[in-house]
N, C-alpha and C. Protein backbone atom coordinates (compact mmCIF):
# COMPACT_ATOMS: atom_id res chain seq x y z
N MET A 1 0.83 -1.21 0.00
CA MET A 1 0.00 0.00 0.00
C MET A 1 0.87 1.26 0.00
N LEU A 2 1.82 1.29 0.92
CA LEU A 2 2.71 2.45 0.99
C LEU A 2 3.55 2.56 -0.27
N GLU A 3 4.03 1.40 -0.76
CA GLU A 3 4.86 1.41 -1.97
C GLU A 3 4.07 1.96 -3.16
N GLN A 4 2.80 1.59 -3.25
CA GLN A 4 1.97 2.07 -4.35
C GLN A 4 1.74 3.57 -4.25
N GLN A 5 1.55 4.07 -3.05
CA GLN A 5 1.35 5.51 -2.87
C GLN A 5 2.62 6.28 -3.23
N LEU A 6 3.77 5.76 -2.84
CA LEU A 6 5.03 6.41 -3.18
C LEU A 6 5.27 6.38 -4.69
N LEU A 7 4.90 5.28 -5.33
CA LEU A 7 5.05 5.19 -6.77
C LEU A 7 4.14 6.20 -7.47
N THR A 8 2.95 6.35 -6.95
CA THR A 8 2.02 7.33 -7.52
C THR A 8 2.59 8.75 -7.41
N PHE A 9 3.20 9.02 -6.27
CA PHE A 9 3.84 10.34 -6.10
C PHE A 9 5.01 10.51 -7.06
N ALA A 10 5.81 9.46 -7.21
CA ALA A 10 6.97 9.55 -8.09
C ALA A 10 6.55 9.77 -9.54
N LEU A 11 5.43 9.21 -9.91
CA LEU A 11 4.98 9.30 -11.29
C LEU A 11 4.37 10.67 -11.62
N LEU A 12 4.32 11.54 -10.62
CA LEU A 12 3.87 12.91 -10.92
C LEU A 12 4.83 13.60 -11.88
N GLY A 13 6.07 13.12 -11.92
CA GLY A 13 7.02 13.65 -12.88
C GLY A 13 7.83 14.81 -12.36
N VAL A 14 8.51 15.46 -13.29
CA VAL A 14 9.49 16.48 -12.95
C VAL A 14 8.95 17.90 -13.06
N GLU A 15 7.81 18.07 -13.68
CA GLU A 15 7.34 19.42 -13.98
C GLU A 15 7.11 20.26 -12.72
N TRP A 16 6.51 19.64 -11.70
CA TRP A 16 6.24 20.41 -10.49
C TRP A 16 7.53 20.82 -9.78
N VAL A 17 8.58 19.99 -9.92
CA VAL A 17 9.88 20.35 -9.33
C VAL A 17 10.46 21.57 -10.04
N LEU A 18 10.31 21.61 -11.36
CA LEU A 18 10.80 22.77 -12.12
C LEU A 18 10.07 24.03 -11.70
N TRP A 19 8.77 23.93 -11.52
CA TRP A 19 8.01 25.11 -11.07
C TRP A 19 8.43 25.54 -9.67
N LEU A 20 8.73 24.57 -8.82
CA LEU A 20 9.22 24.89 -7.48
C LEU A 20 10.54 25.64 -7.55
N LEU A 21 11.44 25.20 -8.40
CA LEU A 21 12.73 25.88 -8.56
C LEU A 21 12.55 27.29 -9.10
N VAL A 22 11.63 27.45 -10.05
CA VAL A 22 11.35 28.79 -10.58
C VAL A 22 10.82 29.69 -9.48
N ALA A 23 9.90 29.16 -8.66
CA ALA A 23 9.34 29.96 -7.56
C ALA A 23 10.42 30.36 -6.56
N LEU A 24 11.31 29.42 -6.23
CA LEU A 24 12.40 29.72 -5.29
C LEU A 24 13.34 30.79 -5.85
N SER A 25 13.60 30.71 -7.16
CA SER A 25 14.48 31.72 -7.76
C SER A 25 13.84 33.10 -7.72
N LEU A 26 12.54 33.17 -7.95
CA LEU A 26 11.84 34.45 -7.89
C LEU A 26 11.83 35.01 -6.47
N ILE A 27 11.68 34.12 -5.49
CA ILE A 27 11.73 34.57 -4.09
C ILE A 27 13.10 35.14 -3.77
N CYS A 28 14.15 34.49 -4.22
CA CYS A 28 15.51 34.98 -3.97
C CYS A 28 15.73 36.34 -4.62
N VAL A 29 15.25 36.50 -5.85
CA VAL A 29 15.38 37.79 -6.54
C VAL A 29 14.63 38.88 -5.78
N ALA A 30 13.41 38.55 -5.32
CA ALA A 30 12.61 39.53 -4.59
C ALA A 30 13.31 39.97 -3.30
N ILE A 31 13.86 39.00 -2.57
CA ILE A 31 14.57 39.33 -1.33
C ILE A 31 15.80 40.17 -1.63
N ALA A 32 16.54 39.82 -2.67
CA ALA A 32 17.74 40.56 -3.03
C ALA A 32 17.41 42.01 -3.39
N VAL A 33 16.36 42.20 -4.18
CA VAL A 33 15.95 43.57 -4.55
C VAL A 33 15.53 44.35 -3.31
N GLU A 34 14.78 43.70 -2.42
CA GLU A 34 14.34 44.37 -1.19
C GLU A 34 15.53 44.75 -0.32
N ARG A 35 16.53 43.88 -0.23
CA ARG A 35 17.72 44.17 0.57
C ARG A 35 18.51 45.34 -0.02
N VAL A 36 18.63 45.38 -1.34
CA VAL A 36 19.35 46.48 -1.99
C VAL A 36 18.65 47.81 -1.71
N ILE A 37 17.32 47.82 -1.82
CA ILE A 37 16.56 49.05 -1.59
C ILE A 37 16.70 49.49 -0.14
N VAL A 38 16.57 48.54 0.79
CA VAL A 38 16.69 48.87 2.22
C VAL A 38 18.07 49.43 2.53
N HIS A 39 19.11 48.80 2.00
CA HIS A 39 20.48 49.26 2.26
C HIS A 39 20.71 50.65 1.67
N ALA A 40 20.13 50.90 0.49
CA ALA A 40 20.31 52.21 -0.14
C ALA A 40 19.61 53.30 0.66
N LEU A 41 18.41 53.01 1.18
CA LEU A 41 17.66 54.00 1.93
C LEU A 41 18.18 54.19 3.35
N ASP A 42 18.89 53.19 3.87
CA ASP A 42 19.37 53.23 5.25
C ASP A 42 20.85 53.56 5.33
N ARG A 43 21.33 54.28 4.34
CA ARG A 43 22.75 54.63 4.29
C ARG A 43 22.96 56.04 4.83
N THR A 44 23.96 56.20 5.69
CA THR A 44 24.31 57.52 6.21
C THR A 44 25.24 58.22 5.24
N GLU A 45 24.96 59.48 4.97
CA GLU A 45 25.80 60.23 4.03
C GLU A 45 27.21 60.37 4.62
N LYS A 46 28.18 59.85 3.90
CA LYS A 46 29.54 59.78 4.43
C LYS A 46 30.16 61.15 4.66
N ALA A 47 29.94 62.06 3.73
CA ALA A 47 30.57 63.38 3.85
C ALA A 47 30.12 64.10 5.12
N SER A 48 28.80 64.11 5.36
CA SER A 48 28.27 64.79 6.55
C SER A 48 28.74 64.10 7.82
N LEU A 49 28.75 62.75 7.81
CA LEU A 49 29.18 62.02 8.99
C LEU A 49 30.65 62.28 9.29
N HIS A 50 31.49 62.20 8.29
CA HIS A 50 32.92 62.44 8.49
C HIS A 50 33.18 63.87 8.97
N GLN A 51 32.45 64.82 8.43
CA GLN A 51 32.62 66.21 8.85
C GLN A 51 32.24 66.39 10.32
N SER A 52 31.13 65.79 10.73
CA SER A 52 30.68 65.91 12.11
C SER A 52 31.64 65.22 13.07
N LEU A 53 32.13 64.05 12.67
CA LEU A 53 33.07 63.34 13.53
C LEU A 53 34.40 64.07 13.63
N ALA A 54 34.85 64.63 12.52
CA ALA A 54 36.10 65.38 12.54
C ALA A 54 36.00 66.59 13.47
N ALA A 55 34.85 67.26 13.43
CA ALA A 55 34.65 68.40 14.32
C ALA A 55 34.62 67.97 15.78
N PHE A 56 34.01 66.83 16.03
CA PHE A 56 33.95 66.34 17.41
C PHE A 56 35.32 65.94 17.92
N PHE A 57 36.10 65.23 17.09
CA PHE A 57 37.43 64.83 17.51
C PHE A 57 38.34 66.03 17.76
N ALA A 58 38.07 67.11 17.05
CA ALA A 58 38.89 68.31 17.22
C ALA A 58 38.44 69.15 18.41
N GLU A 59 37.11 69.25 18.60
CA GLU A 59 36.58 70.16 19.62
C GLU A 59 36.11 69.43 20.87
N GLY A 60 35.64 68.19 20.71
CA GLY A 60 35.14 67.44 21.85
C GLY A 60 33.76 67.82 22.30
N ASP A 61 32.98 68.49 21.44
CA ASP A 61 31.63 68.92 21.79
C ASP A 61 30.64 67.80 21.47
N ALA A 62 30.31 67.00 22.50
CA ALA A 62 29.42 65.87 22.30
C ALA A 62 28.00 66.31 21.97
N GLY A 63 27.56 67.41 22.55
CA GLY A 63 26.21 67.90 22.28
C GLY A 63 26.03 68.30 20.83
N LYS A 64 27.02 68.95 20.29
CA LYS A 64 26.98 69.34 18.87
C LYS A 64 26.97 68.12 17.97
N LEU A 65 27.77 67.11 18.32
CA LEU A 65 27.81 65.88 17.54
C LEU A 65 26.46 65.17 17.59
N LEU A 66 25.85 65.11 18.77
CA LEU A 66 24.56 64.44 18.91
C LEU A 66 23.50 65.13 18.06
N THR A 67 23.50 66.44 18.06
CA THR A 67 22.54 67.18 17.23
C THR A 67 22.74 66.88 15.75
N ALA A 68 24.00 66.83 15.34
CA ALA A 68 24.29 66.53 13.94
C ALA A 68 23.86 65.12 13.57
N LEU A 69 24.13 64.17 14.47
CA LEU A 69 23.78 62.77 14.18
C LEU A 69 22.27 62.58 14.10
N LYS A 70 21.54 63.26 14.96
CA LYS A 70 20.08 63.14 14.93
C LYS A 70 19.49 63.76 13.68
N GLY A 71 20.23 64.65 13.05
CA GLY A 71 19.76 65.23 11.80
C GLY A 71 20.06 64.38 10.58
N MET A 72 20.79 63.28 10.79
CA MET A 72 21.12 62.38 9.68
C MET A 72 20.25 61.13 9.73
N LYS A 73 20.17 60.45 8.63
CA LYS A 73 19.48 59.16 8.58
C LYS A 73 20.52 58.06 8.37
N GLY A 74 20.12 56.84 8.60
CA GLY A 74 21.02 55.73 8.33
C GLY A 74 21.49 55.03 9.58
N VAL A 75 21.99 53.82 9.39
CA VAL A 75 22.37 52.97 10.50
C VAL A 75 23.56 53.53 11.28
N GLU A 76 24.54 54.11 10.61
CA GLU A 76 25.71 54.62 11.32
C GLU A 76 25.33 55.78 12.23
N ALA A 77 24.49 56.66 11.73
CA ALA A 77 24.06 57.80 12.54
C ALA A 77 23.27 57.33 13.77
N ARG A 78 22.42 56.33 13.60
CA ARG A 78 21.62 55.83 14.72
C ARG A 78 22.50 55.21 15.80
N VAL A 79 23.45 54.39 15.38
CA VAL A 79 24.31 53.71 16.35
C VAL A 79 25.17 54.71 17.12
N LEU A 80 25.79 55.63 16.41
CA LEU A 80 26.66 56.62 17.08
C LEU A 80 25.85 57.55 17.97
N ALA A 81 24.66 57.93 17.53
CA ALA A 81 23.81 58.79 18.35
C ALA A 81 23.43 58.08 19.65
N ALA A 82 23.14 56.79 19.56
CA ALA A 82 22.82 56.03 20.77
C ALA A 82 24.01 56.01 21.73
N GLY A 83 25.23 55.92 21.19
CA GLY A 83 26.41 55.93 22.03
C GLY A 83 26.63 57.27 22.72
N VAL A 84 26.45 58.36 21.98
CA VAL A 84 26.64 59.69 22.58
C VAL A 84 25.59 59.95 23.64
N GLU A 85 24.35 59.57 23.36
CA GLU A 85 23.29 59.76 24.37
C GLU A 85 23.58 58.96 25.63
N ALA A 86 24.02 57.72 25.48
CA ALA A 86 24.34 56.90 26.64
C ALA A 86 25.51 57.48 27.42
N ALA A 87 26.49 58.04 26.71
CA ALA A 87 27.65 58.62 27.38
C ALA A 87 27.26 59.81 28.25
N GLU A 88 26.30 60.60 27.78
CA GLU A 88 25.86 61.76 28.56
C GLU A 88 25.16 61.36 29.86
N LYS A 89 24.57 60.15 29.86
CA LYS A 89 23.83 59.70 31.04
C LYS A 89 24.63 58.77 31.93
N GLY A 90 25.49 57.94 31.32
CA GLY A 90 26.17 56.93 32.12
C GLY A 90 27.65 56.77 31.86
N GLY A 91 28.25 57.65 31.09
CA GLY A 91 29.68 57.57 30.86
C GLY A 91 30.03 56.68 29.67
N THR A 92 31.32 56.49 29.50
CA THR A 92 31.81 55.78 28.31
C THR A 92 31.47 54.29 28.32
N ASP A 93 31.38 53.69 29.52
CA ASP A 93 31.00 52.27 29.57
C ASP A 93 29.58 52.08 29.05
N ALA A 94 28.71 52.99 29.43
CA ALA A 94 27.33 52.93 28.95
C ALA A 94 27.27 53.16 27.44
N ALA A 95 28.12 54.06 26.96
CA ALA A 95 28.16 54.33 25.53
C ALA A 95 28.60 53.10 24.75
N ASP A 96 29.63 52.45 25.27
CA ASP A 96 30.14 51.25 24.61
C ASP A 96 29.08 50.15 24.56
N ALA A 97 28.39 49.96 25.71
CA ALA A 97 27.36 48.93 25.77
C ALA A 97 26.18 49.28 24.86
N ALA A 98 25.80 50.54 24.83
CA ALA A 98 24.67 50.96 24.00
C ALA A 98 24.96 50.74 22.52
N MET A 99 26.15 51.12 22.10
CA MET A 99 26.49 50.93 20.68
C MET A 99 26.61 49.46 20.32
N ALA A 100 27.15 48.65 21.22
CA ALA A 100 27.25 47.20 20.96
C ALA A 100 25.86 46.60 20.79
N GLY A 101 24.93 47.01 21.65
CA GLY A 101 23.57 46.51 21.53
C GLY A 101 22.90 46.95 20.25
N HIS A 102 23.10 48.21 19.87
CA HIS A 102 22.51 48.71 18.62
C HIS A 102 23.13 48.04 17.40
N VAL A 103 24.43 47.77 17.45
CA VAL A 103 25.09 47.08 16.33
C VAL A 103 24.50 45.69 16.14
N THR A 104 24.29 44.97 17.25
CA THR A 104 23.70 43.64 17.15
C THR A 104 22.29 43.70 16.57
N PHE A 105 21.51 44.68 17.02
CA PHE A 105 20.14 44.84 16.51
C PHE A 105 20.14 45.18 15.02
N GLU A 106 21.00 46.09 14.62
CA GLU A 106 21.07 46.48 13.22
C GLU A 106 21.58 45.33 12.35
N LYS A 107 22.47 44.52 12.89
CA LYS A 107 22.98 43.37 12.14
C LYS A 107 21.86 42.38 11.85
N LEU A 108 21.01 42.15 12.84
CA LEU A 108 19.87 41.26 12.64
C LEU A 108 18.93 41.81 11.57
N LYS A 109 18.75 43.12 11.56
CA LYS A 109 17.91 43.74 10.52
C LYS A 109 18.53 43.58 9.14
N MET A 110 19.83 43.76 9.05
CA MET A 110 20.51 43.65 7.76
C MET A 110 20.48 42.22 7.22
N GLU A 111 20.45 41.24 8.11
CA GLU A 111 20.49 39.84 7.69
C GLU A 111 19.11 39.25 7.43
N ARG A 112 18.07 40.06 7.59
CA ARG A 112 16.71 39.56 7.41
C ARG A 112 16.51 39.06 5.97
N GLY A 113 16.04 37.85 5.85
CA GLY A 113 15.77 37.27 4.54
C GLY A 113 16.95 36.52 3.94
N LEU A 114 18.15 36.76 4.44
CA LEU A 114 19.33 36.11 3.85
C LEU A 114 19.35 34.61 4.10
N ILE A 115 18.70 34.16 5.18
CA ILE A 115 18.65 32.73 5.46
C ILE A 115 17.92 32.00 4.34
N VAL A 116 16.92 32.67 3.73
CA VAL A 116 16.19 32.06 2.63
C VAL A 116 17.10 31.90 1.42
N ILE A 117 17.83 32.97 1.09
CA ILE A 117 18.74 32.90 -0.06
C ILE A 117 19.81 31.85 0.17
N GLY A 118 20.37 31.80 1.38
CA GLY A 118 21.39 30.81 1.68
C GLY A 118 20.86 29.38 1.61
N THR A 119 19.63 29.19 2.10
CA THR A 119 19.03 27.86 2.06
C THR A 119 18.77 27.41 0.63
N VAL A 120 18.26 28.32 -0.19
CA VAL A 120 18.02 27.98 -1.59
C VAL A 120 19.34 27.67 -2.29
N GLY A 121 20.37 28.46 -2.02
CA GLY A 121 21.66 28.24 -2.66
C GLY A 121 22.26 26.89 -2.32
N SER A 122 22.06 26.44 -1.10
CA SER A 122 22.66 25.17 -0.69
C SER A 122 21.80 23.96 -1.03
N ASN A 123 20.50 24.16 -1.25
CA ASN A 123 19.61 23.02 -1.45
C ASN A 123 19.00 22.91 -2.84
N ALA A 124 19.08 23.95 -3.65
CA ALA A 124 18.50 23.90 -5.00
C ALA A 124 19.10 22.76 -5.84
N PRO A 125 20.42 22.50 -5.78
CA PRO A 125 20.93 21.36 -6.57
C PRO A 125 20.31 20.03 -6.17
N PHE A 126 20.05 19.86 -4.87
CA PHE A 126 19.43 18.61 -4.42
C PHE A 126 17.97 18.52 -4.87
N ILE A 127 17.29 19.66 -4.88
CA ILE A 127 15.92 19.67 -5.39
C ILE A 127 15.90 19.31 -6.86
N GLY A 128 16.85 19.87 -7.62
CA GLY A 128 16.96 19.53 -9.03
C GLY A 128 17.26 18.06 -9.24
N LEU A 129 18.16 17.53 -8.41
CA LEU A 129 18.50 16.11 -8.51
C LEU A 129 17.29 15.24 -8.17
N PHE A 130 16.53 15.67 -7.20
CA PHE A 130 15.30 14.95 -6.84
C PHE A 130 14.34 14.91 -8.02
N GLY A 131 14.22 16.05 -8.72
CA GLY A 131 13.37 16.08 -9.91
C GLY A 131 13.88 15.15 -10.99
N THR A 132 15.20 15.07 -11.14
CA THR A 132 15.78 14.16 -12.13
C THR A 132 15.45 12.71 -11.81
N VAL A 133 15.57 12.36 -10.55
CA VAL A 133 15.25 10.99 -10.14
C VAL A 133 13.79 10.68 -10.43
N LEU A 134 12.90 11.61 -10.10
CA LEU A 134 11.47 11.39 -10.36
C LEU A 134 11.22 11.22 -11.86
N GLY A 135 11.91 12.04 -12.67
CA GLY A 135 11.73 11.95 -14.11
C GLY A 135 12.19 10.61 -14.66
N ILE A 136 13.31 10.12 -14.15
CA ILE A 136 13.83 8.82 -14.60
C ILE A 136 12.88 7.69 -14.18
N ILE A 137 12.35 7.77 -12.96
CA ILE A 137 11.39 6.76 -12.51
C ILE A 137 10.17 6.74 -13.44
N GLN A 138 9.70 7.92 -13.77
CA GLN A 138 8.54 8.00 -14.67
C GLN A 138 8.87 7.43 -16.04
N ALA A 139 10.07 7.72 -16.54
CA ALA A 139 10.46 7.23 -17.86
C ALA A 139 10.53 5.71 -17.90
N PHE A 140 11.14 5.11 -16.88
CA PHE A 140 11.24 3.65 -16.87
C PHE A 140 9.90 2.98 -16.58
N HIS A 141 9.03 3.68 -15.88
CA HIS A 141 7.69 3.15 -15.68
C HIS A 141 6.95 3.05 -17.02
N GLU A 142 7.13 4.08 -17.86
CA GLU A 142 6.51 4.04 -19.18
C GLU A 142 7.12 2.92 -20.03
N LEU A 143 8.42 2.67 -19.85
CA LEU A 143 9.06 1.58 -20.59
C LEU A 143 8.48 0.22 -20.19
N SER A 144 8.11 0.11 -18.92
CA SER A 144 7.55 -1.16 -18.45
C SER A 144 6.18 -1.45 -19.02
N LEU A 145 5.54 -0.44 -19.59
CA LEU A 145 4.22 -0.65 -20.17
C LEU A 145 4.30 -1.40 -21.49
N GLU A 146 5.50 -1.48 -22.09
CA GLU A 146 5.75 -2.25 -23.31
C GLU A 146 4.87 -1.80 -24.47
N THR A 147 4.79 -0.51 -24.67
CA THR A 147 4.08 0.02 -25.82
C THR A 147 5.07 0.31 -26.93
N ASP A 148 4.56 0.60 -28.11
CA ASP A 148 5.44 0.87 -29.26
C ASP A 148 6.24 2.15 -29.06
N GLU A 149 5.67 3.09 -28.35
CA GLU A 149 6.35 4.37 -28.17
C GLU A 149 7.16 4.41 -26.87
N ALA A 150 7.28 3.30 -26.20
CA ALA A 150 7.93 3.29 -24.88
C ALA A 150 9.38 3.73 -24.94
N ALA A 151 10.15 3.17 -25.92
CA ALA A 151 11.58 3.51 -26.00
C ALA A 151 11.79 4.99 -26.25
N ALA A 152 11.01 5.54 -27.17
CA ALA A 152 11.13 6.97 -27.46
C ALA A 152 10.74 7.81 -26.25
N ASN A 153 9.72 7.38 -25.53
CA ASN A 153 9.30 8.11 -24.34
C ASN A 153 10.36 8.07 -23.24
N VAL A 154 11.06 6.94 -23.16
CA VAL A 154 12.11 6.83 -22.15
C VAL A 154 13.22 7.84 -22.41
N MET A 155 13.69 7.90 -23.65
CA MET A 155 14.77 8.83 -23.97
C MET A 155 14.32 10.27 -23.77
N SER A 156 13.10 10.56 -24.20
CA SER A 156 12.58 11.92 -24.01
C SER A 156 12.41 12.24 -22.53
N GLY A 157 11.93 11.26 -21.76
CA GLY A 157 11.74 11.49 -20.33
C GLY A 157 13.04 11.70 -19.60
N ILE A 158 14.07 10.94 -19.96
CA ILE A 158 15.37 11.10 -19.29
C ILE A 158 15.97 12.46 -19.60
N SER A 159 15.87 12.90 -20.84
CA SER A 159 16.41 14.21 -21.19
C SER A 159 15.68 15.32 -20.45
N GLU A 160 14.35 15.18 -20.32
CA GLU A 160 13.59 16.17 -19.57
C GLU A 160 13.96 16.13 -18.08
N ALA A 161 14.21 14.92 -17.59
CA ALA A 161 14.57 14.79 -16.17
C ALA A 161 15.90 15.47 -15.88
N LEU A 162 16.86 15.35 -16.79
CA LEU A 162 18.17 15.97 -16.57
C LEU A 162 18.09 17.49 -16.55
N VAL A 163 17.06 18.03 -17.17
CA VAL A 163 16.86 19.48 -17.14
C VAL A 163 16.69 19.97 -15.70
N ALA A 164 16.06 19.15 -14.87
CA ALA A 164 15.83 19.56 -13.48
C ALA A 164 17.14 19.80 -12.74
N THR A 165 18.13 18.92 -12.98
CA THR A 165 19.44 19.12 -12.35
C THR A 165 20.09 20.42 -12.83
N ALA A 166 19.99 20.67 -14.13
CA ALA A 166 20.57 21.90 -14.68
C ALA A 166 19.89 23.13 -14.10
N VAL A 167 18.56 23.09 -14.01
CA VAL A 167 17.82 24.23 -13.46
C VAL A 167 18.17 24.42 -11.98
N GLY A 168 18.34 23.31 -11.26
CA GLY A 168 18.73 23.42 -9.86
C GLY A 168 20.05 24.15 -9.69
N LEU A 169 21.00 23.83 -10.55
CA LEU A 169 22.30 24.53 -10.51
C LEU A 169 22.16 25.99 -10.92
N MET A 170 21.31 26.26 -11.91
CA MET A 170 21.10 27.64 -12.35
C MET A 170 20.48 28.49 -11.26
N VAL A 171 19.66 27.88 -10.41
CA VAL A 171 19.07 28.61 -9.29
C VAL A 171 20.07 28.74 -8.15
N ALA A 172 20.84 27.70 -7.91
CA ALA A 172 21.73 27.69 -6.74
C ALA A 172 22.90 28.66 -6.89
N ILE A 173 23.51 28.70 -8.06
CA ILE A 173 24.73 29.50 -8.22
C ILE A 173 24.48 30.99 -7.97
N PRO A 174 23.46 31.62 -8.61
CA PRO A 174 23.20 33.03 -8.30
C PRO A 174 22.80 33.25 -6.84
N ALA A 175 22.08 32.28 -6.26
CA ALA A 175 21.68 32.42 -4.86
C ALA A 175 22.90 32.45 -3.94
N VAL A 176 23.88 31.59 -4.20
CA VAL A 176 25.10 31.57 -3.39
C VAL A 176 25.88 32.87 -3.57
N VAL A 177 25.94 33.37 -4.81
CA VAL A 177 26.64 34.63 -5.07
C VAL A 177 25.96 35.78 -4.31
N LEU A 178 24.63 35.84 -4.37
CA LEU A 178 23.90 36.89 -3.66
C LEU A 178 24.11 36.78 -2.16
N TYR A 179 24.05 35.57 -1.64
CA TYR A 179 24.22 35.37 -0.20
C TYR A 179 25.60 35.85 0.25
N ASN A 180 26.63 35.45 -0.48
CA ASN A 180 27.99 35.85 -0.12
C ASN A 180 28.17 37.36 -0.23
N TYR A 181 27.55 37.97 -1.25
CA TYR A 181 27.66 39.43 -1.43
C TYR A 181 27.06 40.17 -0.24
N PHE A 182 25.84 39.79 0.13
CA PHE A 182 25.17 40.49 1.22
C PHE A 182 25.86 40.23 2.56
N GLN A 183 26.34 39.02 2.75
CA GLN A 183 27.06 38.73 3.98
C GLN A 183 28.34 39.55 4.07
N ARG A 184 29.06 39.67 2.95
CA ARG A 184 30.28 40.47 2.93
C ARG A 184 29.97 41.94 3.19
N ARG A 185 28.92 42.43 2.57
CA ARG A 185 28.54 43.83 2.77
C ARG A 185 28.15 44.09 4.22
N ASN A 186 27.39 43.19 4.81
CA ASN A 186 26.98 43.36 6.20
C ASN A 186 28.18 43.35 7.14
N LYS A 187 29.15 42.48 6.86
CA LYS A 187 30.36 42.44 7.69
C LYS A 187 31.12 43.76 7.59
N GLU A 188 31.17 44.33 6.39
CA GLU A 188 31.85 45.61 6.23
C GLU A 188 31.15 46.71 7.01
N VAL A 189 29.83 46.73 6.96
CA VAL A 189 29.08 47.75 7.71
C VAL A 189 29.28 47.59 9.20
N VAL A 190 29.17 46.35 9.69
CA VAL A 190 29.36 46.10 11.12
C VAL A 190 30.78 46.45 11.55
N GLY A 191 31.76 46.06 10.73
CA GLY A 191 33.14 46.41 11.06
C GLY A 191 33.37 47.91 11.12
N ARG A 192 32.76 48.64 10.17
CA ARG A 192 32.89 50.10 10.17
C ARG A 192 32.21 50.71 11.40
N LEU A 193 31.07 50.17 11.78
CA LEU A 193 30.36 50.66 12.97
C LEU A 193 31.19 50.42 14.23
N GLU A 194 31.74 49.23 14.34
CA GLU A 194 32.52 48.92 15.54
C GLU A 194 33.78 49.77 15.61
N SER A 195 34.45 49.97 14.48
CA SER A 195 35.66 50.78 14.46
C SER A 195 35.36 52.23 14.83
N THR A 196 34.33 52.79 14.20
CA THR A 196 33.96 54.18 14.51
C THR A 196 33.49 54.32 15.94
N GLY A 197 32.78 53.31 16.42
CA GLY A 197 32.31 53.34 17.81
C GLY A 197 33.45 53.35 18.80
N HIS A 198 34.47 52.54 18.55
CA HIS A 198 35.63 52.52 19.45
C HIS A 198 36.35 53.88 19.45
N LEU A 199 36.48 54.49 18.27
CA LEU A 199 37.10 55.81 18.20
C LEU A 199 36.27 56.85 18.96
N LEU A 200 34.95 56.74 18.82
CA LEU A 200 34.07 57.68 19.52
C LEU A 200 34.19 57.53 21.03
N VAL A 201 34.19 56.29 21.50
CA VAL A 201 34.31 56.04 22.95
C VAL A 201 35.66 56.54 23.45
N SER A 202 36.70 56.32 22.68
CA SER A 202 38.03 56.79 23.08
C SER A 202 38.05 58.31 23.24
N ARG A 203 37.41 59.00 22.29
CA ARG A 203 37.38 60.48 22.36
C ARG A 203 36.51 60.94 23.51
N LEU A 204 35.40 60.26 23.75
CA LEU A 204 34.54 60.62 24.88
C LEU A 204 35.28 60.40 26.19
N SER A 205 36.05 59.32 26.28
CA SER A 205 36.79 59.02 27.49
C SER A 205 37.88 60.06 27.75
N SER A 206 38.59 60.45 26.70
CA SER A 206 39.64 61.46 26.88
C SER A 206 39.04 62.81 27.25
N GLY A 207 37.89 63.13 26.69
CA GLY A 207 37.23 64.39 27.05
C GLY A 207 36.76 64.39 28.48
N SER A 208 36.26 63.23 28.94
CA SER A 208 35.81 63.12 30.33
C SER A 208 36.97 63.24 31.30
N ASP A 209 38.10 62.59 30.96
CA ASP A 209 39.29 62.67 31.80
C ASP A 209 39.83 64.08 31.88
N ARG A 210 39.79 64.79 30.74
CA ARG A 210 40.28 66.16 30.72
C ARG A 210 39.40 67.06 31.58
N ALA A 211 38.09 66.82 31.53
CA ALA A 211 37.17 67.62 32.33
C ALA A 211 37.39 67.39 33.83
N GLN A 212 37.66 66.12 34.20
CA GLN A 212 37.90 65.82 35.61
C GLN A 212 39.20 66.44 36.09
N ASN A 213 40.23 66.45 35.26
CA ASN A 213 41.51 67.05 35.63
C ASN A 213 41.40 68.55 35.79
N ASN A 214 40.62 69.17 34.90
CA ASN A 214 40.42 70.61 35.00
C ASN A 214 39.62 70.97 36.23
N GLY A 215 38.70 70.02 36.57
CA GLY A 215 37.87 70.27 37.75
C GLY A 215 38.71 70.12 39.02
């Protein structure tokens, strides 16, 4: 009974597997486009940020820096603003902890949807291979019927089945490339945030020490 049910499933053929691969590829493209748009809209203008940070490192005016950061958009401005605000209330340790927490939160936001692309990239070849196996089973089942057209159907069925493996690779390769690209980009953003945050905390700490010595 179970064997017959499994055979019935196998004889569905390869077409539904091909449609599944097409759907997965479209999902990956949609996620990639959404990630590109989000990253573009959530980018802090480098010139304004560098100018504000340079002024802060030279003058040490945290209030002026905070005002400038709040006037900017983007992940870098949000993380640094959180650090300056925390420093005003709890010192440099609080600033360091606040920025670390914001970096982790922003990293999770940047990685949203990438698990889907990564999963498709690693499993699409196996899905294609599964479709090929189903196609071959269907082809040999038709051969067992011993009809005049059986041999021709077998060759045609096997060639169609092999298409599933090719399509699986065609879906997997771009998905892996996209996954690696976004992961690399996210690491660069996080690294830049952590580096700038450490410099900011260092300057806040030196300013605090100078104020205590003057006092």
